[in-house]
Amino acid sequence: MTWRWTALAFAMLSWRGLLAADEEQVKWMKLEEARAKSAATGKPVLVICLTDLVSEGPGTKGIDRSFTTDMIRPFRDEFCFVKCTDMATVRAVKVTSKCEFVTYDPDGEEIHRCVTKSTADIAAAMKKTLASYCSRPITWSTEAPAPVERSPDGRRLTVVLFRDESEDVASLVSALEDRSVAKLHGRCTFVSIPFRKDSPDVAKWKVLGAPTLLLLDAEKEFSPKSIVERTGEKKNPRELRALLRRGLAAVEKSHR
């Protein structure tokens, strides 16, 4: 019986060791799976080229083990990881070198690209990605903006928030400042209006409660007639990103 208990104890220790090791590994995905997860979670996609199908660049031997090291471990929950090991992925991400490192935001736009020759290079590239793709505070105005001139950089929105001190408003502001939404800030002007029942502004804009978010065509006068989208519902960053894109598309369409 003693040997059986010994064998069982050894098996349990081995199983726990495998679980612990597995928890320290990054989760590798196919490119399309990573893109879908990125769109859902807001995490950036990280692609590393580990194939000899690309002739240029440093050797790939041992580079994949970099992702199990203490230097990389703090980042394992920050990305959707893809090993580029087939020609379809090589073409999709347009890599030209072994050990090429590429990151994308949830919209598929490139954040950073470089060739990594060591664990330290990979860690530095991850840090640079996260520094570029990060949440950003919003500067709110309390004044009605004048209509903006048409910009070669694209249409613009005036984002109006009727707000109070509630947690729902704080949650909405946090979602607007999220890293997956922040890249659209440059195409928006943000205006904050206090929500007070029976106030002239609440009546003018037909607001029923806070938070209420209104998207206006920034090229038009600051008035309810310029509204292209509105919502009084809770929104997560993914939903707000989609809302802002719909608003920009509606403005673009209205000016054709």
Protein backbone atom coordinates (compact mmCIF):
# COMPACT_ATOMS: atom_id res chain seq x y z
CA MET A 1 0.00 0.00 0.00
CA THR A 2 2.88 2.33 0.84
CA TRP A 3 4.19 2.34 -2.70
CA ARG A 4 0.72 3.11 -4.02
CA TRP A 5 0.39 6.15 -1.77
CA THR A 6 3.87 7.23 -2.79
CA ALA A 7 3.00 6.88 -6.47
CA LEU A 8 -0.26 8.79 -5.96
CA ALA A 9 1.51 11.60 -4.13
CA PHE A 10 4.13 11.82 -6.88
CA ALA A 11 1.42 11.94 -9.55
CA MET A 12 -0.42 14.74 -7.74
CA LEU A 13 2.76 16.77 -7.36
CA SER A 14 3.56 16.29 -11.05
CA TRP A 15 0.02 17.32 -12.01
CA ARG A 16 0.25 20.46 -9.88
CA GLY A 17 3.62 21.23 -11.42
CA LEU A 18 2.17 20.94 -14.91
CA LEU A 19 -0.74 23.20 -13.96
CA ALA A 20 1.63 25.79 -12.51
CA ALA A 21 3.80 25.65 -15.61
CA ASP A 22 0.75 25.97 -17.84
CA GLU A 23 -0.41 29.04 -15.91
CA GLU A 24 2.94 30.67 -16.62
CA GLN A 25 2.66 30.11 -20.38
CA VAL A 26 1.10 32.62 -22.73
CA LYS A 27 -1.92 31.33 -24.66
CA TRP A 28 -1.08 31.09 -28.35
CA MET A 29 -3.90 31.53 -30.87
CA LYS A 30 -4.50 31.60 -34.57
CA LEU A 31 -4.55 35.09 -36.07
CA GLU A 32 -8.30 35.22 -36.67
CA GLU A 33 -9.03 33.97 -33.14
CA ALA A 34 -6.71 36.61 -31.71
CA ARG A 35 -8.36 39.35 -33.75
CA ALA A 36 -11.81 38.30 -32.57
CA LYS A 37 -10.67 38.22 -28.95
CA SER A 38 -8.99 41.59 -29.33
CA ALA A 39 -12.21 43.13 -30.67
CA ALA A 40 -14.13 41.67 -27.73
CA THR A 41 -11.66 42.50 -24.95
CA GLY A 42 -9.75 45.54 -26.18
CA LYS A 43 -6.41 43.76 -25.77
CA PRO A 44 -3.84 44.30 -28.53
CA VAL A 45 -2.80 41.43 -30.81
CA LEU A 46 0.88 40.44 -30.67
CA VAL A 47 2.35 38.51 -33.59
CA ILE A 48 5.89 37.10 -33.58
CA CYS A 49 7.37 35.49 -36.68
CA LEU A 50 8.91 32.11 -35.79
CA THR A 51 9.26 30.46 -39.17
CA ASP A 52 12.06 29.72 -41.62
CA LEU A 53 9.60 30.45 -44.44
CA VAL A 54 11.02 33.98 -44.19
CA SER A 55 14.67 33.94 -45.17
CA GLU A 56 15.84 37.24 -43.68
CA GLY A 57 16.47 38.01 -40.04
CA PRO A 58 18.04 36.47 -36.92
CA GLY A 59 17.65 32.83 -35.94
CA THR A 60 14.42 31.84 -34.23
CA LYS A 61 15.91 29.11 -32.05
CA GLY A 62 14.92 29.60 -28.42
CA ILE A 63 12.95 32.81 -29.05
CA ASP A 64 9.62 31.10 -28.29
CA ARG A 65 10.99 30.20 -24.85
CA SER A 66 11.30 33.91 -24.12
CA PHE A 67 7.56 33.94 -23.50
CA THR A 68 7.98 31.70 -20.42
CA THR A 69 10.56 33.91 -18.72
CA ASP A 70 10.14 36.17 -15.70
CA MET A 71 10.79 39.21 -17.89
CA ILE A 72 7.75 38.47 -20.10
CA ARG A 73 5.43 36.90 -17.53
CA PRO A 74 3.97 40.24 -16.26
CA PHE A 75 2.65 40.90 -19.79
CA ARG A 76 1.00 37.53 -20.45
CA ASP A 77 -2.51 38.85 -19.71
CA GLU A 78 -2.05 42.05 -21.71
CA PHE A 79 -2.01 40.64 -25.26
CA CYS A 80 -3.61 38.14 -27.61
CA PHE A 81 -0.57 36.11 -28.73
CA VAL A 82 0.01 34.71 -32.23
CA LYS A 83 2.94 32.61 -33.47
CA CYS A 84 3.48 33.36 -37.14
CA THR A 85 4.57 29.93 -38.43
CA ASP A 86 2.71 29.59 -41.75
CA MET A 87 2.73 31.45 -45.03
CA ALA A 88 -0.90 32.60 -44.71
CA THR A 89 -0.06 34.48 -41.49
CA VAL A 90 3.22 35.76 -42.98
CA ARG A 91 1.23 37.33 -45.82
CA ALA A 92 -1.57 38.59 -43.57
CA VAL A 93 0.76 40.54 -41.27
CA LYS A 94 3.30 41.33 -44.03
CA VAL A 95 6.37 40.21 -42.11
CA THR A 96 9.68 40.23 -43.95
CA SER A 97 12.04 39.00 -41.22
CA LYS A 98 12.34 36.16 -38.76
CA CYS A 99 11.63 37.26 -35.18
CA GLU A 100 9.62 40.21 -36.49
CA PHE A 101 7.32 41.54 -33.78
CA VAL A 102 4.03 43.22 -34.77
CA THR A 103 1.19 44.51 -32.61
CA TYR A 104 -2.31 45.62 -33.64
CA ASP A 105 -5.17 47.38 -31.91
CA PRO A 106 -8.73 45.92 -31.86
CA ASP A 107 -9.50 47.66 -35.17
CA GLY A 108 -6.58 45.89 -36.83
CA GLU A 109 -4.45 49.03 -37.08
CA GLU A 110 -0.74 48.53 -36.51
CA ILE A 111 0.68 49.84 -33.23
CA HIS A 112 4.34 48.79 -33.36
CA ARG A 113 6.67 46.72 -35.55
CA CYS A 114 10.31 45.74 -35.03
CA VAL A 115 12.71 42.78 -35.19
CA THR A 116 13.42 41.21 -31.79
CA LYS A 117 16.62 39.26 -31.18
CA SER A 118 16.26 38.53 -27.47
CA THR A 119 13.90 38.35 -24.52
CA ALA A 120 14.89 41.89 -23.58
CA ASP A 121 13.96 43.10 -27.09
CA ILE A 122 10.55 41.43 -26.83
CA ALA A 123 9.90 42.95 -23.39
CA ALA A 124 10.91 46.40 -24.67
CA ALA A 125 8.61 46.06 -27.68
CA MET A 126 5.73 45.04 -25.42
CA LYS A 127 6.32 48.05 -23.18
CA LYS A 128 6.43 50.37 -26.19
CA THR A 129 3.15 48.93 -27.47
CA LEU A 130 1.42 49.42 -24.12
CA ALA A 131 2.81 52.97 -23.82
CA SER A 132 1.34 53.85 -27.22
CA TYR A 133 -1.90 51.94 -26.76
CA CYS A 134 -3.12 53.18 -23.39
CA SER A 135 -6.07 54.83 -21.72
CA ARG A 136 -6.09 58.62 -21.88
CA PRO A 137 -7.95 61.23 -19.79
CA ILE A 138 -10.52 63.43 -21.51
CA THR A 139 -10.50 67.20 -21.24
CA TRP A 140 -14.12 68.30 -20.88
CA SER A 141 -15.37 71.73 -21.85
CA THR A 142 -18.42 73.41 -20.36
CA GLU A 143 -18.76 75.84 -23.26
CA ALA A 144 -20.66 75.24 -26.49
CA PRO A 145 -18.05 74.94 -29.27
CA ALA A 146 -18.30 76.84 -32.53
CA PRO A 147 -18.70 74.79 -35.71
CA VAL A 148 -15.36 73.43 -36.91
CA GLU A 149 -14.01 73.73 -40.41
CA ARG A 150 -13.83 70.65 -42.56
CA SER A 151 -10.56 68.84 -41.89
CA PRO A 152 -8.48 66.76 -44.32
CA ASP A 153 -8.06 64.31 -41.42
CA GLY A 154 -11.76 63.42 -41.57
CA ARG A 155 -15.06 64.39 -40.04
CA ARG A 156 -15.33 65.35 -36.39
CA LEU A 157 -17.86 64.87 -33.60
CA THR A 158 -18.93 66.96 -30.66
CA VAL A 159 -19.56 64.53 -27.80
CA VAL A 160 -21.98 65.90 -25.21
CA LEU A 161 -22.40 64.23 -21.83
CA PHE A 162 -25.21 65.11 -19.45
CA ARG A 163 -23.75 64.06 -16.12
CA ASP A 164 -24.19 63.96 -12.38
CA GLU A 165 -22.16 62.43 -9.55
CA SER A 166 -23.52 58.90 -10.04
CA GLU A 167 -21.46 55.75 -10.46
CA ASP A 168 -23.08 55.19 -13.86
CA VAL A 169 -21.63 58.47 -15.12
CA ALA A 170 -18.21 57.68 -13.67
CA SER A 171 -18.32 54.27 -15.36
CA LEU A 172 -19.23 55.82 -18.73
CA VAL A 173 -16.42 58.37 -18.50
CA SER A 174 -13.97 55.60 -17.63
CA ALA A 175 -15.14 53.60 -20.66
CA LEU A 176 -14.69 56.66 -22.91
CA GLU A 177 -11.13 57.03 -21.63
CA ASP A 178 -10.35 53.35 -22.21
CA ARG A 179 -7.37 52.58 -24.45
CA SER A 180 -9.54 50.98 -27.12
CA VAL A 181 -11.55 54.21 -27.45
CA ALA A 182 -8.78 56.76 -26.85
CA LYS A 183 -7.48 56.75 -30.43
CA LEU A 184 -10.78 58.36 -31.51
CA HIS A 185 -10.38 61.26 -29.06
CA GLY A 186 -8.54 63.29 -31.68
CA ARG A 187 -11.68 63.41 -33.81
CA CYS A 188 -13.91 64.54 -30.94
CA THR A 189 -14.58 67.62 -28.85
CA PHE A 190 -16.01 66.75 -25.43
CA VAL A 191 -18.64 68.90 -23.71
CA SER A 192 -20.00 68.30 -20.23
CA ILE A 193 -23.41 69.60 -19.10
CA PRO A 194 -24.74 69.09 -15.55
CA PHE A 195 -27.96 67.10 -15.42
CA ARG A 196 -30.56 68.99 -13.38
CA LYS A 197 -34.21 68.11 -13.68
CA ASP A 198 -36.36 70.91 -15.11
CA SER A 199 -33.28 72.88 -16.26
CA PRO A 200 -33.50 74.66 -19.64
CA ASP A 201 -30.70 72.51 -21.08
CA VAL A 202 -32.42 69.26 -20.09
CA ALA A 203 -35.63 70.45 -21.71
CA LYS A 204 -33.88 71.76 -24.82
CA TRP A 205 -32.01 68.50 -25.46
CA LYS A 206 -34.88 66.27 -24.27
CA VAL A 207 -32.72 64.46 -21.75
CA LEU A 208 -34.42 62.08 -19.32
CA GLY A 209 -31.55 61.17 -17.03
CA ALA A 210 -27.81 60.90 -16.48
CA PRO A 211 -25.73 59.72 -18.09
CA THR A 212 -26.99 60.71 -21.51
CA LEU A 213 -24.46 60.82 -24.33
CA LEU A 214 -25.11 62.80 -27.52
CA LEU A 215 -22.98 62.77 -30.67
CA LEU A 216 -23.23 65.90 -32.82
CA ASP A 217 -21.92 66.81 -36.24
CA ALA A 218 -19.11 69.19 -35.25
CA GLU A 219 -19.39 71.13 -38.53
CA LYS A 220 -22.90 72.25 -37.62
CA GLU A 221 -24.31 74.57 -34.97
CA PHE A 222 -24.31 73.29 -31.40
CA SER A 223 -27.96 72.35 -31.17
CA PRO A 224 -30.25 69.28 -30.99
CA LYS A 225 -30.64 69.46 -34.78
CA SER A 226 -27.00 68.37 -35.12
CA ILE A 227 -27.42 65.10 -33.19
CA VAL A 228 -26.44 61.99 -35.17
CA GLU A 229 -26.45 59.44 -32.29
CA ARG A 230 -27.63 59.38 -28.69
CA THR A 231 -27.75 56.90 -25.84
CA GLY A 232 -28.82 56.83 -22.23
CA GLU A 233 -27.71 53.24 -21.66
CA LYS A 234 -24.67 51.80 -19.96
CA LYS A 235 -21.91 51.16 -22.49
CA ASN A 236 -18.64 49.28 -22.26
CA PRO A 237 -15.56 50.43 -24.22
CA ARG A 238 -16.30 48.13 -27.14
CA GLU A 239 -19.86 49.50 -27.44
CA LEU A 240 -18.67 53.10 -27.14
CA ARG A 241 -16.03 52.56 -29.82
CA ALA A 242 -18.75 51.24 -32.11
CA LEU A 243 -21.04 54.16 -31.21
CA LEU A 244 -18.38 56.76 -32.04
CA ARG A 245 -17.60 55.03 -35.33
CA ARG A 246 -21.30 55.01 -36.24
CA GLY A 247 -21.46 58.70 -35.41
CA LEU A 248 -18.46 59.49 -37.59
CA ALA A 249 -19.90 57.40 -40.42
CA ALA A 250 -23.25 59.22 -40.13
CA VAL A 251 -21.50 62.61 -40.31
CA GLU A 252 -19.51 61.48 -43.33
CA LYS A 253 -22.65 60.26 -45.08
CA SER A 254 -24.58 63.45 -44.38
CA HIS A 255 -21.91 65.57 -46.09
CA ARG A 256 -21.69 63.58 -49.33
